Amino acid sequence: MADDSCGPVKPAAPSTPAKPGQRVVHCVKFDKDMPGLERIPWKGDLGNRVFENVSADAWKLWIEYSKMLMNEYRLNPLDPASQKIMEEQMEQYFFGEGAKLPEGYVAPKAKG
């Protein structure tokens, strides 16, 4: 069993079992074998790494996080500079020290 004491804290993994014939990957976010993505989600080398190492459930978490980034940084998905920022953030989210919240970010209050 690997010692995670030096690494980033892994989120609790949802227990989505793989369907027969479904791709399974060892997810870098949850550190366990889980159903993988059906297609490469991003262009280039990073897209291939995500496809090979990120589960479908972890990708869903990234999508939600990326929406917050797009709003906080006021990014345009069609702008090459915005795409570069998103690529850097994705790299950190999955393969780096983890994603960092934008400076001054305040999480929305839950509706009561």
N, C-alpha and C. Protein backbone atom coordinates (compact mmCIF):
# COMPACT_ATOMS: atom_id res chain seq x y z
N MET A 1 0.85 -1.19 0.00
CA MET A 1 0.00 0.00 0.00
C MET A 1 0.88 1.23 0.00
N ALA A 2 0.59 2.19 -0.86
CA ALA A 2 1.41 3.39 -0.99
C ALA A 2 1.11 4.36 0.14
N ASP A 3 2.15 5.09 0.56
CA ASP A 3 2.01 6.09 1.61
C ASP A 3 1.65 7.42 0.96
N ASP A 4 0.47 7.96 1.28
CA ASP A 4 0.00 9.21 0.70
C ASP A 4 0.38 10.43 1.54
N SER A 5 1.16 10.25 2.61
CA SER A 5 1.38 11.34 3.56
C SER A 5 2.01 12.57 2.94
N CYS A 6 2.76 12.42 1.86
CA CYS A 6 3.41 13.57 1.24
C CYS A 6 2.59 14.14 0.08
N GLY A 7 1.64 13.40 -0.41
CA GLY A 7 0.89 13.81 -1.59
C GLY A 7 -0.34 14.61 -1.25
N PRO A 8 -1.01 15.11 -2.28
CA PRO A 8 -2.24 15.86 -2.05
C PRO A 8 -3.33 14.94 -1.49
N VAL A 9 -4.24 15.53 -0.76
CA VAL A 9 -5.35 14.77 -0.20
C VAL A 9 -6.27 14.36 -1.33
N LYS A 10 -6.62 13.08 -1.38
CA LYS A 10 -7.51 12.57 -2.43
C LYS A 10 -8.95 12.73 -1.98
N PRO A 11 -9.83 13.22 -2.88
CA PRO A 11 -11.25 13.29 -2.52
C PRO A 11 -11.84 11.89 -2.40
N ALA A 12 -12.91 11.77 -1.65
CA ALA A 12 -13.57 10.48 -1.53
C ALA A 12 -14.13 10.07 -2.89
N ALA A 13 -13.86 8.85 -3.29
CA ALA A 13 -14.27 8.39 -4.61
C ALA A 13 -15.71 7.89 -4.59
N PRO A 14 -16.51 8.34 -5.55
CA PRO A 14 -17.83 7.75 -5.68
C PRO A 14 -17.65 6.29 -6.11
N SER A 15 -18.56 5.45 -5.73
CA SER A 15 -18.40 4.03 -6.08
C SER A 15 -19.25 3.71 -7.30
N THR A 16 -18.77 4.14 -8.47
CA THR A 16 -19.45 3.85 -9.72
C THR A 16 -18.79 2.62 -10.32
N PRO A 17 -19.47 1.47 -10.32
CA PRO A 17 -18.86 0.28 -10.90
C PRO A 17 -18.78 0.37 -12.42
N ALA A 18 -17.76 -0.25 -12.98
CA ALA A 18 -17.61 -0.28 -14.43
C ALA A 18 -18.63 -1.24 -15.03
N LYS A 19 -19.19 -0.86 -16.16
CA LYS A 19 -20.11 -1.73 -16.87
C LYS A 19 -19.28 -2.69 -17.73
N PRO A 20 -19.81 -3.85 -18.06
CA PRO A 20 -19.05 -4.77 -18.91
C PRO A 20 -18.63 -4.09 -20.22
N GLY A 21 -17.35 -4.22 -20.58
CA GLY A 21 -16.83 -3.63 -21.79
C GLY A 21 -16.42 -2.18 -21.67
N GLN A 22 -16.65 -1.56 -20.51
CA GLN A 22 -16.31 -0.16 -20.30
C GLN A 22 -14.82 -0.03 -19.98
N ARG A 23 -14.20 1.04 -20.51
CA ARG A 23 -12.80 1.31 -20.19
C ARG A 23 -12.64 1.55 -18.70
N VAL A 24 -11.57 1.02 -18.15
CA VAL A 24 -11.25 1.27 -16.75
C VAL A 24 -9.85 1.88 -16.70
N VAL A 25 -9.70 2.92 -15.90
CA VAL A 25 -8.39 3.56 -15.72
C VAL A 25 -8.08 3.60 -14.23
N HIS A 26 -6.80 3.71 -13.90
CA HIS A 26 -6.42 3.96 -12.51
C HIS A 26 -6.42 5.47 -12.35
N CYS A 27 -7.44 6.00 -11.71
CA CYS A 27 -7.66 7.44 -11.62
C CYS A 27 -6.64 8.12 -10.70
N VAL A 28 -5.98 9.15 -11.23
CA VAL A 28 -5.00 9.89 -10.44
C VAL A 28 -5.66 10.72 -9.34
N LYS A 29 -6.91 11.07 -9.51
CA LYS A 29 -7.60 11.89 -8.51
C LYS A 29 -8.08 11.05 -7.32
N PHE A 30 -8.58 9.86 -7.61
CA PHE A 30 -9.14 9.01 -6.56
C PHE A 30 -8.22 7.85 -6.17
N ASP A 31 -7.13 7.65 -6.90
CA ASP A 31 -6.15 6.60 -6.65
C ASP A 31 -6.80 5.21 -6.58
N LYS A 32 -7.67 4.94 -7.55
CA LYS A 32 -8.24 3.60 -7.66
C LYS A 32 -8.75 3.38 -9.07
N ASP A 33 -8.98 2.11 -9.43
CA ASP A 33 -9.50 1.77 -10.75
C ASP A 33 -10.97 2.16 -10.83
N MET A 34 -11.29 2.91 -11.89
CA MET A 34 -12.65 3.41 -12.07
C MET A 34 -12.96 3.49 -13.55
N PRO A 35 -14.25 3.59 -13.92
CA PRO A 35 -14.60 3.77 -15.33
C PRO A 35 -13.96 5.03 -15.90
N GLY A 36 -13.38 4.88 -17.10
CA GLY A 36 -12.69 5.99 -17.74
C GLY A 36 -13.60 6.80 -18.65
N LEU A 37 -13.02 7.82 -19.25
CA LEU A 37 -13.75 8.66 -20.20
C LEU A 37 -13.96 7.89 -21.50
N GLU A 38 -14.99 8.26 -22.24
CA GLU A 38 -15.30 7.60 -23.50
C GLU A 38 -14.49 8.16 -24.66
N ARG A 39 -14.00 9.40 -24.51
CA ARG A 39 -13.20 10.01 -25.58
C ARG A 39 -12.19 10.96 -24.97
N ILE A 40 -11.20 11.34 -25.77
CA ILE A 40 -10.17 12.28 -25.31
C ILE A 40 -10.83 13.64 -25.11
N PRO A 41 -10.73 14.23 -23.90
CA PRO A 41 -11.49 15.44 -23.60
C PRO A 41 -10.82 16.76 -23.95
N TRP A 42 -9.55 16.72 -24.32
CA TRP A 42 -8.80 17.96 -24.56
C TRP A 42 -7.78 17.68 -25.63
N LYS A 43 -7.37 18.69 -26.36
CA LYS A 43 -6.41 18.49 -27.44
C LYS A 43 -4.99 18.26 -26.89
N GLY A 44 -4.17 17.62 -27.70
CA GLY A 44 -2.75 17.50 -27.39
C GLY A 44 -2.39 16.46 -26.35
N ASP A 45 -1.17 16.61 -25.87
CA ASP A 45 -0.59 15.67 -24.92
C ASP A 45 -1.37 15.61 -23.61
N LEU A 46 -1.81 16.77 -23.12
CA LEU A 46 -2.57 16.81 -21.87
C LEU A 46 -3.87 16.03 -22.01
N GLY A 47 -4.55 16.18 -23.14
CA GLY A 47 -5.79 15.43 -23.38
C GLY A 47 -5.56 13.93 -23.34
N ASN A 48 -4.45 13.48 -23.92
CA ASN A 48 -4.13 12.05 -23.89
C ASN A 48 -3.84 11.58 -22.46
N ARG A 49 -3.10 12.38 -21.69
CA ARG A 49 -2.81 12.02 -20.30
C ARG A 49 -4.08 11.94 -19.47
N VAL A 50 -4.98 12.89 -19.68
CA VAL A 50 -6.26 12.88 -18.96
C VAL A 50 -7.04 11.63 -19.35
N PHE A 51 -7.11 11.33 -20.62
CA PHE A 51 -7.86 10.17 -21.11
C PHE A 51 -7.33 8.87 -20.48
N GLU A 52 -6.02 8.76 -20.34
CA GLU A 52 -5.41 7.54 -19.82
C GLU A 52 -5.40 7.45 -18.30
N ASN A 53 -5.55 8.57 -17.59
CA ASN A 53 -5.33 8.58 -16.14
C ASN A 53 -6.44 9.19 -15.29
N VAL A 54 -7.53 9.62 -15.91
CA VAL A 54 -8.59 10.30 -15.16
C VAL A 54 -9.92 9.57 -15.38
N SER A 55 -10.61 9.31 -14.29
CA SER A 55 -11.91 8.64 -14.39
C SER A 55 -12.99 9.61 -14.86
N ALA A 56 -14.09 9.04 -15.31
CA ALA A 56 -15.23 9.85 -15.73
C ALA A 56 -15.76 10.68 -14.55
N ASP A 57 -15.76 10.09 -13.35
CA ASP A 57 -16.24 10.82 -12.17
C ASP A 57 -15.32 11.99 -11.83
N ALA A 58 -14.01 11.79 -11.92
CA ALA A 58 -13.08 12.89 -11.65
C ALA A 58 -13.23 13.99 -12.70
N TRP A 59 -13.49 13.58 -13.95
CA TRP A 59 -13.68 14.59 -15.01
C TRP A 59 -14.91 15.44 -14.71
N LYS A 60 -15.98 14.83 -14.18
CA LYS A 60 -17.18 15.60 -13.82
C LYS A 60 -16.84 16.65 -12.76
N LEU A 61 -15.99 16.29 -11.79
CA LEU A 61 -15.57 17.25 -10.77
C LEU A 61 -14.79 18.40 -11.40
N TRP A 62 -13.92 18.06 -12.38
CA TRP A 62 -13.16 19.10 -13.08
C TRP A 62 -14.10 20.05 -13.82
N ILE A 63 -15.12 19.53 -14.47
CA ILE A 63 -16.06 20.36 -15.23
C ILE A 63 -16.69 21.40 -14.30
N GLU A 64 -17.12 20.96 -13.12
CA GLU A 64 -17.72 21.90 -12.17
C GLU A 64 -16.70 22.93 -11.72
N TYR A 65 -15.48 22.50 -11.43
CA TYR A 65 -14.43 23.41 -11.00
C TYR A 65 -14.09 24.39 -12.13
N SER A 66 -14.04 23.88 -13.36
CA SER A 66 -13.67 24.74 -14.50
C SER A 66 -14.73 25.83 -14.74
N LYS A 67 -15.98 25.56 -14.44
CA LYS A 67 -17.02 26.58 -14.57
C LYS A 67 -16.74 27.75 -13.63
N MET A 68 -16.33 27.42 -12.40
CA MET A 68 -15.99 28.46 -11.44
C MET A 68 -14.79 29.27 -11.96
N LEU A 69 -13.76 28.58 -12.49
CA LEU A 69 -12.59 29.28 -13.03
C LEU A 69 -12.98 30.22 -14.16
N MET A 70 -13.80 29.73 -15.07
CA MET A 70 -14.22 30.54 -16.22
C MET A 70 -14.92 31.82 -15.74
N ASN A 71 -15.76 31.67 -14.74
CA ASN A 71 -16.49 32.83 -14.22
C ASN A 71 -15.58 33.78 -13.45
N GLU A 72 -14.76 33.24 -12.56
CA GLU A 72 -13.90 34.06 -11.71
C GLU A 72 -12.86 34.82 -12.52
N TYR A 73 -12.26 34.15 -13.52
CA TYR A 73 -11.23 34.78 -14.34
C TYR A 73 -11.81 35.44 -15.59
N ARG A 74 -13.13 35.33 -15.76
CA ARG A 74 -13.83 35.88 -16.93
C ARG A 74 -13.17 35.42 -18.23
N LEU A 75 -13.02 34.09 -18.33
CA LEU A 75 -12.36 33.49 -19.48
C LEU A 75 -13.34 33.26 -20.61
N ASN A 76 -12.84 33.32 -21.83
CA ASN A 76 -13.61 33.03 -23.03
C ASN A 76 -13.10 31.71 -23.59
N PRO A 77 -13.93 30.66 -23.65
CA PRO A 77 -13.45 29.36 -24.10
C PRO A 77 -12.91 29.35 -25.53
N LEU A 78 -13.24 30.36 -26.34
CA LEU A 78 -12.74 30.41 -27.71
C LEU A 78 -11.43 31.18 -27.83
N ASP A 79 -11.02 31.87 -26.77
CA ASP A 79 -9.80 32.67 -26.77
C ASP A 79 -8.59 31.79 -26.45
N PRO A 80 -7.56 31.79 -27.32
CA PRO A 80 -6.37 30.96 -27.08
C PRO A 80 -5.69 31.24 -25.73
N ALA A 81 -5.66 32.49 -25.29
CA ALA A 81 -5.06 32.81 -23.99
C ALA A 81 -5.87 32.18 -22.85
N SER A 82 -7.19 32.21 -22.96
CA SER A 82 -8.06 31.58 -21.95
C SER A 82 -7.88 30.06 -21.95
N GLN A 83 -7.74 29.49 -23.14
CA GLN A 83 -7.53 28.04 -23.24
C GLN A 83 -6.22 27.64 -22.57
N LYS A 84 -5.19 28.47 -22.71
CA LYS A 84 -3.90 28.20 -22.09
C LYS A 84 -4.03 28.20 -20.57
N ILE A 85 -4.76 29.17 -20.03
CA ILE A 85 -4.99 29.23 -18.58
C ILE A 85 -5.72 27.98 -18.12
N MET A 86 -6.76 27.59 -18.85
CA MET A 86 -7.52 26.40 -18.47
C MET A 86 -6.65 25.15 -18.53
N GLU A 87 -5.79 25.07 -19.54
CA GLU A 87 -4.89 23.92 -19.66
C GLU A 87 -3.93 23.86 -18.47
N GLU A 88 -3.38 25.00 -18.08
CA GLU A 88 -2.48 25.04 -16.92
C GLU A 88 -3.21 24.62 -15.65
N GLN A 89 -4.44 25.11 -15.50
CA GLN A 89 -5.24 24.76 -14.32
C GLN A 89 -5.58 23.26 -14.30
N MET A 90 -5.90 22.72 -15.48
CA MET A 90 -6.22 21.29 -15.58
C MET A 90 -5.00 20.44 -15.21
N GLU A 91 -3.85 20.85 -15.70
CA GLU A 91 -2.59 20.15 -15.38
C GLU A 91 -2.39 20.10 -13.86
N GLN A 92 -2.58 21.24 -13.20
CA GLN A 92 -2.42 21.30 -11.75
C GLN A 92 -3.49 20.48 -11.04
N TYR A 93 -4.71 20.55 -11.52
CA TYR A 93 -5.84 19.86 -10.89
C TYR A 93 -5.62 18.35 -10.85
N PHE A 94 -5.17 17.80 -11.97
CA PHE A 94 -5.01 16.34 -12.05
C PHE A 94 -3.61 15.84 -11.75
N PHE A 95 -2.59 16.57 -12.17
CA PHE A 95 -1.24 16.02 -12.11
C PHE A 95 -0.27 16.83 -11.26
N GLY A 96 -0.69 17.98 -10.77
CA GLY A 96 0.18 18.83 -9.97
C GLY A 96 -0.18 18.73 -8.49
N GLU A 97 0.00 19.83 -7.81
CA GLU A 97 -0.26 19.88 -6.38
C GLU A 97 -1.73 20.08 -6.07
N GLY A 98 -2.53 20.11 -7.08
CA GLY A 98 -3.96 20.34 -6.88
C GLY A 98 -4.30 21.75 -7.30
N ALA A 99 -5.54 21.98 -7.58
CA ALA A 99 -5.99 23.28 -8.05
C ALA A 99 -6.03 24.27 -6.90
N LYS A 100 -5.70 25.50 -7.21
CA LYS A 100 -5.79 26.57 -6.22
C LYS A 100 -6.94 27.48 -6.61
N LEU A 101 -7.66 27.93 -5.62
CA LEU A 101 -8.77 28.84 -5.90
C LEU A 101 -8.22 30.20 -6.30
N PRO A 102 -8.93 30.91 -7.18
CA PRO A 102 -8.49 32.25 -7.57
C PRO A 102 -8.37 33.16 -6.35
N GLU A 103 -7.40 34.07 -6.39
CA GLU A 103 -7.20 35.01 -5.29
C GLU A 103 -8.47 35.82 -5.06
N GLY A 104 -8.89 35.88 -3.81
CA GLY A 104 -10.08 36.63 -3.46
C GLY A 104 -11.39 35.89 -3.69
N TYR A 105 -11.31 34.61 -4.12
CA TYR A 105 -12.53 33.85 -4.40
C TYR A 105 -13.31 33.61 -3.12
N VAL A 106 -14.60 33.87 -3.16
CA VAL A 106 -15.50 33.59 -2.05
C VAL A 106 -16.55 32.61 -2.56
N ALA A 107 -16.63 31.45 -1.94
CA ALA A 107 -17.60 30.44 -2.37
C ALA A 107 -19.01 30.97 -2.17
N PRO A 108 -19.93 30.65 -3.12
CA PRO A 108 -21.31 31.11 -2.96
C PRO A 108 -21.95 30.47 -1.75
N LYS A 109 -22.80 31.24 -1.07
CA LYS A 109 -23.49 30.71 0.10
C LYS A 109 -24.58 29.75 -0.35
N ALA A 110 -24.75 28.68 0.40
CA ALA A 110 -25.80 27.71 0.09
C ALA A 110 -27.15 28.36 0.32
N LYS A 111 -28.08 28.07 -0.55
CA LYS A 111 -29.43 28.61 -0.41
C LYS A 111 -30.11 27.89 0.75
N GLY A 112 -30.72 28.65 1.62
CA GLY A 112 -31.29 28.06 2.83
C GLY A 112 -32.73 27.88 2.83
